[in-house]
Amino acid sequence: MTKDNLNLNAKKTIVIVEDNDMLSKVLEYRIKKDGFQVEVFDNGEAAIEYLSSNPFDLLITDLYMPFINGSELIQHVRDKISADVPIMAISSTHEEDIIANIFNIGANDFIVKPFRAGELSVRIKRLVK
């Protein structure tokens, strides 16, 4: 990655909402390594408070979390915060009806856990370009 690309990415903020502490640390490390600014939350409730008053360029959310789940978070972002900001959902589910619903309520991408770091990087860069 060139220094110019790093500077462009550093201006972009990616919000991660993941209740698995180990996975959120891995995601944060990888995304920061790609040159992005990262904000991490362990539940949808805390994320909504941040997202409602701060600009962001991508939301990555787990589906199954306490308080407000990923589906509710996506719906809230689409209805009350932004119809346009890219959203990536992550989950270990393979259930087609759940995945279809995530896209129907406004997710731009979905990735199944476990996933490869390189694939995640490519998908993030595609969404925030």
Protein backbone atom coordinates (compact mmCIF):
# COMPACT_ATOMS: atom_id res chain seq x y z
CA MET A 1 0.00 0.00 0.00
CA THR A 2 1.38 3.39 -0.91
CA LYS A 3 1.69 6.20 1.58
CA ASP A 4 -1.01 8.13 -0.33
CA ASN A 5 -3.46 5.22 -0.03
CA LEU A 6 -2.68 4.94 3.67
CA ASN A 7 -3.47 8.63 4.16
CA LEU A 8 -6.74 8.35 2.25
CA ASN A 9 -7.80 5.31 4.28
CA ALA A 10 -6.79 6.91 7.59
CA LYS A 11 -9.53 9.47 7.06
CA LYS A 12 -12.12 6.71 6.84
CA THR A 13 -13.69 5.41 10.04
CA ILE A 14 -14.87 1.84 10.35
CA VAL A 15 -17.16 0.92 13.23
CA ILE A 16 -17.01 -2.68 14.48
CA VAL A 17 -19.81 -4.06 16.64
CA GLU A 18 -18.85 -7.50 17.91
CA ASP A 19 -19.45 -9.02 21.35
CA ASN A 20 -16.66 -11.61 21.05
CA ASP A 21 -13.70 -9.77 22.57
CA MET A 22 -11.03 -11.86 20.85
CA LEU A 23 -12.62 -11.47 17.40
CA SER A 24 -13.15 -7.73 17.86
CA LYS A 25 -9.45 -7.32 18.72
CA VAL A 26 -8.42 -9.33 15.64
CA LEU A 27 -10.75 -7.26 13.43
CA GLU A 28 -9.50 -4.01 14.94
CA TYR A 29 -5.86 -5.01 14.44
CA ARG A 30 -6.38 -6.06 10.81
CA ILE A 31 -8.41 -3.02 9.83
CA LYS A 32 -5.98 -0.61 11.51
CA LYS A 33 -3.13 -2.40 9.70
CA ASP A 34 -4.93 -1.55 6.44
CA GLY A 35 -4.76 2.13 7.46
CA PHE A 36 -8.29 2.84 8.66
CA GLN A 37 -9.46 4.48 11.86
CA VAL A 38 -11.45 1.99 13.94
CA GLU A 39 -14.10 2.33 16.65
CA VAL A 40 -15.11 -0.87 18.47
CA PHE A 41 -18.27 -1.61 20.46
CA ASP A 42 -19.39 -4.83 22.12
CA ASN A 43 -23.13 -4.26 21.72
CA GLY A 44 -25.61 -2.50 19.45
CA GLU A 45 -26.85 -0.15 22.13
CA ALA A 46 -23.42 1.46 22.64
CA ALA A 47 -22.87 1.54 18.88
CA ILE A 48 -26.14 3.40 18.23
CA GLU A 49 -25.12 6.11 20.68
CA TYR A 50 -21.83 6.59 18.80
CA LEU A 51 -23.26 6.24 15.29
CA SER A 52 -26.00 8.79 15.98
CA SER A 53 -23.52 11.60 16.58
CA ASN A 54 -20.31 10.70 14.74
CA PRO A 55 -19.48 10.32 11.05
CA PHE A 56 -18.42 6.86 9.87
CA ASP A 57 -17.65 5.23 6.54
CA LEU A 58 -18.49 1.58 7.18
CA LEU A 59 -20.36 -0.39 9.83
CA ILE A 60 -19.35 -4.01 10.46
CA THR A 61 -21.75 -5.78 12.79
CA ASP A 62 -22.19 -9.23 14.22
CA LEU A 63 -25.78 -10.48 14.13
CA TYR A 64 -26.11 -12.15 17.52
CA MET A 65 -25.37 -9.74 20.37
CA PRO A 66 -26.95 -8.71 23.67
CA PHE A 67 -29.32 -5.72 24.04
CA ILE A 68 -29.70 -4.78 20.37
CA ASN A 69 -28.83 -7.48 17.82
CA GLY A 70 -27.20 -6.89 14.45
CA SER A 71 -30.46 -6.97 12.51
CA GLU A 72 -31.97 -4.32 14.77
CA LEU A 73 -28.79 -2.25 14.49
CA ILE A 74 -28.83 -2.40 10.69
CA GLN A 75 -32.51 -1.44 10.62
CA HIS A 76 -31.90 1.48 13.00
CA VAL A 77 -28.98 2.78 10.94
CA ARG A 78 -30.99 2.57 7.73
CA ASP A 79 -34.12 4.19 9.22
CA LYS A 80 -32.62 6.87 11.44
CA ILE A 81 -28.95 7.49 10.63
CA SER A 82 -28.02 6.84 7.00
CA ALA A 83 -29.58 5.14 4.01
CA ASP A 84 -26.25 5.19 2.17
CA VAL A 85 -23.39 4.24 4.49
CA PRO A 86 -22.11 0.73 3.69
CA ILE A 87 -22.92 -2.04 6.19
CA MET A 88 -21.27 -5.45 6.41
CA ALA A 89 -22.85 -8.15 8.57
CA ILE A 90 -20.76 -10.97 10.02
CA SER A 91 -22.09 -14.18 11.52
CA SER A 92 -21.52 -17.89 11.80
CA THR A 93 -25.01 -18.58 10.44
CA HIS A 94 -25.50 -20.30 7.10
CA GLU A 95 -29.29 -20.01 7.18
CA GLU A 96 -30.46 -18.59 3.87
CA ASP A 97 -33.56 -16.88 5.27
CA ILE A 98 -31.51 -14.99 7.87
CA ILE A 99 -28.91 -13.96 5.29
CA ALA A 100 -31.62 -12.87 2.83
CA ASN A 101 -33.29 -10.82 5.56
CA ILE A 102 -30.00 -9.05 6.35
CA PHE A 103 -29.74 -7.92 2.73
CA ASN A 104 -33.43 -6.99 2.62
CA ILE A 105 -33.11 -4.66 5.61
CA GLY A 106 -30.11 -2.90 4.13
CA ALA A 107 -26.79 -4.72 4.51
CA ASN A 108 -24.42 -4.30 1.58
CA ASP A 109 -22.34 -7.38 2.33
CA PHE A 110 -22.35 -10.50 4.49
CA ILE A 111 -19.39 -12.64 5.49
CA VAL A 112 -19.56 -15.99 7.30
CA LYS A 113 -17.33 -16.66 10.32
CA PRO A 114 -14.67 -17.88 10.28
CA PHE A 115 -13.29 -15.81 7.42
CA ARG A 116 -9.86 -15.08 6.03
CA ALA A 117 -8.24 -11.75 6.87
CA GLY A 118 -7.35 -11.12 3.23
CA GLU A 119 -10.95 -11.62 2.11
CA LEU A 120 -12.14 -9.22 4.81
CA SER A 121 -9.64 -6.57 3.66
CA VAL A 122 -10.75 -6.84 0.03
CA ARG A 123 -14.43 -6.56 0.98
CA ILE A 124 -13.82 -3.54 3.24
CA LYS A 125 -11.81 -1.71 0.59
CA ARG A 126 -14.54 -2.41 -1.98
CA LEU A 127 -17.23 -1.00 0.32
CA VAL A 128 -15.41 2.20 1.35
CA LYS A 129 -13.87 3.18 -1.99
